[in-house]
Amino acid sequence: MYELFVELTDQLFYEGYAEQLAKADPSAFQIEFNDFLNTYSYEMV
């Protein structure tokens, strides 16, 4: 899921956004990543 998050944020913002955010503000990165996981998670059947 991490790779999908990075790919999505690169498309929405700019290339390297997720990595830059993780370095500059780890807590904000974690909040955004957790929100992504909660919003786009699904159950495997």
PDB file of N, CA and C in Angstrom:
ATOM      1  N   MET A   1       0.819  -1.197   0.000  1.00  0.00           N
ATOM      2  CA  MET A   1       0.000   0.000   0.000  1.00  0.00           C
ATOM      3  C   MET A   1       0.866   1.266   0.000  1.00  0.00           C
ATOM      4  N   TYR A   2       2.049   1.162   0.577  1.00  0.00           N
ATOM      5  CA  TYR A   2       2.927   2.331   0.603  1.00  0.00           C
ATOM      6  C   TYR A   2       3.258   2.798  -0.812  1.00  0.00           C
ATOM      7  N   GLU A   3       3.558   1.833  -1.682  1.00  0.00           N
ATOM      8  CA  GLU A   3       3.899   2.179  -3.062  1.00  0.00           C
ATOM      9  C   GLU A   3       2.727   2.879  -3.759  1.00  0.00           C
ATOM     10  N   LEU A   4       1.517   2.419  -3.491  1.00  0.00           N
ATOM     11  CA  LEU A   4       0.333   3.058  -4.076  1.00  0.00           C
ATOM     12  C   LEU A   4       0.165   4.479  -3.550  1.00  0.00           C
ATOM     13  N   PHE A   5       0.419   4.661  -2.266  1.00  0.00           N
ATOM     14  CA  PHE A   5       0.333   6.002  -1.685  1.00  0.00           C
ATOM     15  C   PHE A   5       1.337   6.950  -2.330  1.00  0.00           C
ATOM     16  N   VAL A   6       2.564   6.485  -2.490  1.00  0.00           N
ATOM     17  CA  VAL A   6       3.604   7.314  -3.111  1.00  0.00           C
ATOM     18  C   VAL A   6       3.219   7.642  -4.547  1.00  0.00           C
ATOM     19  N   GLU A   7       2.749   6.644  -5.287  1.00  0.00           N
ATOM     20  CA  GLU A   7       2.353   6.874  -6.674  1.00  0.00           C
ATOM     21  C   GLU A   7       1.203   7.877  -6.767  1.00  0.00           C
ATOM     22  N   LEU A   8       0.211   7.743  -5.906  1.00  0.00           N
ATOM     23  CA  LEU A   8      -0.928   8.654  -5.913  1.00  0.00           C
ATOM     24  C   LEU A   8      -0.498  10.084  -5.584  1.00  0.00           C
ATOM     25  N   THR A   9       0.294  10.258  -4.539  1.00  0.00           N
ATOM     26  CA  THR A   9       0.711  11.610  -4.175  1.00  0.00           C
ATOM     27  C   THR A   9       1.619  12.223  -5.239  1.00  0.00           C
ATOM     28  N   ASP A  10       2.426  11.409  -5.899  1.00  0.00           N
ATOM     29  CA  ASP A  10       3.249  11.912  -7.004  1.00  0.00           C
ATOM     30  C   ASP A  10       2.369  12.430  -8.137  1.00  0.00           C
ATOM     31  N   GLN A  11       1.262  11.745  -8.389  1.00  0.00           N
ATOM     32  CA  GLN A  11       0.352  12.168  -9.445  1.00  0.00           C
ATOM     33  C   GLN A  11      -0.453  13.398  -9.045  1.00  0.00           C
ATOM     34  N   LEU A  12      -0.848  13.461  -7.787  1.00  0.00           N
ATOM     35  CA  LEU A  12      -1.660  14.585  -7.328  1.00  0.00           C
ATOM     36  C   LEU A  12      -0.855  15.861  -7.137  1.00  0.00           C
ATOM     37  N   PHE A  13       0.346  15.726  -6.624  1.00  0.00           N
ATOM     38  CA  PHE A  13       1.149  16.894  -6.290  1.00  0.00           C
ATOM     39  C   PHE A  13       2.332  17.008  -7.242  1.00  0.00           C
ATOM     40  N   TYR A  14       3.428  16.350  -6.933  1.00  0.00           N
ATOM     41  CA  TYR A  14       4.610  16.367  -7.795  1.00  0.00           C
ATOM     42  C   TYR A  14       5.486  15.184  -7.432  1.00  0.00           C
ATOM     43  N   GLU A  15       6.368  14.827  -8.342  1.00  0.00           N
ATOM     44  CA  GLU A  15       7.278  13.698  -8.154  1.00  0.00           C
ATOM     45  C   GLU A  15       8.119  13.906  -6.894  1.00  0.00           C
ATOM     46  N   GLY A  16       8.079  12.948  -5.989  1.00  0.00           N
ATOM     47  CA  GLY A  16       8.873  13.012  -4.773  1.00  0.00           C
ATOM     48  C   GLY A  16       8.170  13.649  -3.579  1.00  0.00           C
ATOM     49  N   TYR A  17       6.885  13.987  -3.738  1.00  0.00           N
ATOM     50  CA  TYR A  17       6.148  14.658  -2.657  1.00  0.00           C
ATOM     51  C   TYR A  17       6.145  13.825  -1.374  1.00  0.00           C
ATOM     52  N   ALA A  18       5.805  12.552  -1.475  1.00  0.00           N
ATOM     53  CA  ALA A  18       5.700  11.708  -0.277  1.00  0.00           C
ATOM     54  C   ALA A  18       7.036  11.597   0.447  1.00  0.00           C
ATOM     55  N   GLU A  19       8.101  11.374  -0.302  1.00  0.00           N
ATOM     56  CA  GLU A  19       9.422  11.253   0.320  1.00  0.00           C
ATOM     57  C   GLU A  19       9.851  12.557   0.975  1.00  0.00           C
ATOM     58  N   GLN A  20       9.576  13.666   0.306  1.00  0.00           N
ATOM     59  CA  GLN A  20       9.934  14.964   0.870  1.00  0.00           C
ATOM     60  C   GLN A  20       9.142  15.242   2.142  1.00  0.00           C
ATOM     61  N   LEU A  21       7.853  14.934   2.123  1.00  0.00           N
ATOM     62  CA  LEU A  21       7.015  15.144   3.304  1.00  0.00           C
ATOM     63  C   LEU A  21       7.484  14.261   4.464  1.00  0.00           C
ATOM     64  N   ALA A  22       7.838  13.022   4.163  1.00  0.00           N
ATOM     65  CA  ALA A  22       8.299  12.097   5.205  1.00  0.00           C
ATOM     66  C   ALA A  22       9.559  12.624   5.894  1.00  0.00           C
ATOM     67  N   LYS A  23      10.425  13.260   5.131  1.00  0.00           N
ATOM     68  CA  LYS A  23      11.661  13.805   5.714  1.00  0.00           C
ATOM     69  C   LYS A  23      11.405  15.124   6.441  1.00  0.00           C
ATOM     70  N   ALA A  24      10.579  15.990   5.848  1.00  0.00           N
ATOM     71  CA  ALA A  24      10.361  17.327   6.398  1.00  0.00           C
ATOM     72  C   ALA A  24       9.425  17.312   7.602  1.00  0.00           C
ATOM     73  N   ASP A  25       8.389  16.480   7.553  1.00  0.00           N
ATOM     74  CA  ASP A  25       7.385  16.465   8.618  1.00  0.00           C
ATOM     75  C   ASP A  25       6.822  15.051   8.769  1.00  0.00           C
ATOM     76  N   PRO A  26       7.552  14.190   9.483  1.00  0.00           N
ATOM     77  CA  PRO A  26       7.139  12.785   9.604  1.00  0.00           C
ATOM     78  C   PRO A  26       5.734  12.596  10.173  1.00  0.00           C
ATOM     79  N   SER A  27       5.332  13.435  11.106  1.00  0.00           N
ATOM     80  CA  SER A  27       3.991  13.266  11.683  1.00  0.00           C
ATOM     81  C   SER A  27       2.901  13.594  10.662  1.00  0.00           C
ATOM     82  N   ALA A  28       3.097  14.617   9.851  1.00  0.00           N
ATOM     83  CA  ALA A  28       2.129  14.946   8.802  1.00  0.00           C
ATOM     84  C   ALA A  28       2.080  13.828   7.761  1.00  0.00           C
ATOM     85  N   PHE A  29       3.238  13.276   7.427  1.00  0.00           N
ATOM     86  CA  PHE A  29       3.279  12.156   6.495  1.00  0.00           C
ATOM     87  C   PHE A  29       2.475  10.987   7.049  1.00  0.00           C
ATOM     88  N   GLN A  30       2.677  10.672   8.316  1.00  0.00           N
ATOM     89  CA  GLN A  30       1.973   9.534   8.926  1.00  0.00           C
ATOM     90  C   GLN A  30       0.472   9.767   8.938  1.00  0.00           C
ATOM     91  N   ILE A  31       0.051  10.995   9.209  1.00  0.00           N
ATOM     92  CA  ILE A  31      -1.378  11.323   9.199  1.00  0.00           C
ATOM     93  C   ILE A  31      -1.953  11.116   7.806  1.00  0.00           C
ATOM     94  N   GLU A  32      -1.269  11.624   6.780  1.00  0.00           N
ATOM     95  CA  GLU A  32      -1.755  11.471   5.408  1.00  0.00           C
ATOM     96  C   GLU A  32      -1.752  10.007   4.975  1.00  0.00           C
ATOM     97  N   PHE A  33      -0.717   9.278   5.337  1.00  0.00           N
ATOM     98  CA  PHE A  33      -0.647   7.863   4.967  1.00  0.00           C
ATOM     99  C   PHE A  33      -1.747   7.061   5.673  1.00  0.00           C
ATOM    100  N   ASN A  34      -1.970   7.326   6.953  1.00  0.00           N
ATOM    101  CA  ASN A  34      -3.035   6.641   7.681  1.00  0.00           C
ATOM    102  C   ASN A  34      -4.402   6.965   7.098  1.00  0.00           C
ATOM    103  N   ASP A  35      -4.608   8.210   6.716  1.00  0.00           N
ATOM    104  CA  ASP A  35      -5.866   8.595   6.083  1.00  0.00           C
ATOM    105  C   ASP A  35      -6.060   7.830   4.777  1.00  0.00           C
ATOM    106  N   PHE A  36      -4.995   7.720   3.999  1.00  0.00           N
ATOM    107  CA  PHE A  36      -5.036   6.947   2.760  1.00  0.00           C
ATOM    108  C   PHE A  36      -5.404   5.498   3.052  1.00  0.00           C
ATOM    109  N   LEU A  37      -4.756   4.894   4.039  1.00  0.00           N
ATOM    110  CA  LEU A  37      -5.038   3.498   4.376  1.00  0.00           C
ATOM    111  C   LEU A  37      -6.485   3.318   4.824  1.00  0.00           C
ATOM    112  N   ASN A  38      -6.978   4.234   5.640  1.00  0.00           N
ATOM    113  CA  ASN A  38      -8.351   4.126   6.124  1.00  0.00           C
ATOM    114  C   ASN A  38      -9.373   4.352   5.019  1.00  0.00           C
ATOM    115  N   THR A  39      -9.056   5.208   4.075  1.00  0.00           N
ATOM    116  CA  THR A  39      -9.987   5.539   3.002  1.00  0.00           C
ATOM    117  C   THR A  39     -10.000   4.478   1.916  1.00  0.00           C
ATOM    118  N   TYR A  40      -8.843   3.936   1.577  1.00  0.00           N
ATOM    119  CA  TYR A  40      -8.749   3.049   0.424  1.00  0.00           C
ATOM    120  C   TYR A  40      -8.490   1.594   0.791  1.00  0.00           C
ATOM    121  N   SER A  41      -8.675   1.224   2.035  1.00  0.00           N
ATOM    122  CA  SER A  41      -8.468  -0.183   2.390  1.00  0.00           C
ATOM    123  C   SER A  41      -9.675  -1.002   1.942  1.00  0.00           C
ATOM    124  N   TYR A  42      -9.455  -2.236   1.708  1.00  0.00           N
ATOM    125  CA  TYR A  42     -10.517  -3.139   1.298  1.00  0.00           C
ATOM    126  C   TYR A  42     -10.209  -4.530   1.841  1.00  0.00           C
ATOM    127  N   GLU A  43     -11.238  -5.337   1.923  1.00  0.00           N
ATOM    128  CA  GLU A  43     -11.058  -6.689   2.429  1.00  0.00           C
ATOM    129  C   GLU A  43     -10.849  -7.635   1.274  1.00  0.00           C
ATOM    130  N   MET A  44      -9.912  -8.527   1.447  1.00  0.00           N
ATOM    131  CA  MET A  44      -9.671  -9.561   0.452  1.00  0.00           C
ATOM    132  C   MET A  44     -10.730 -10.645   0.643  1.00  0.00           C
ATOM    133  N   VAL A  45     -11.298 -11.095  -0.438  1.00  0.00           N
ATOM    134  CA  VAL A  45     -12.347 -12.125  -0.360  1.00  0.00           C
ATOM    135  C   VAL A  45     -11.777 -13.435  -0.784  1.00  0.00           C
TER     136      VAL A  45
END
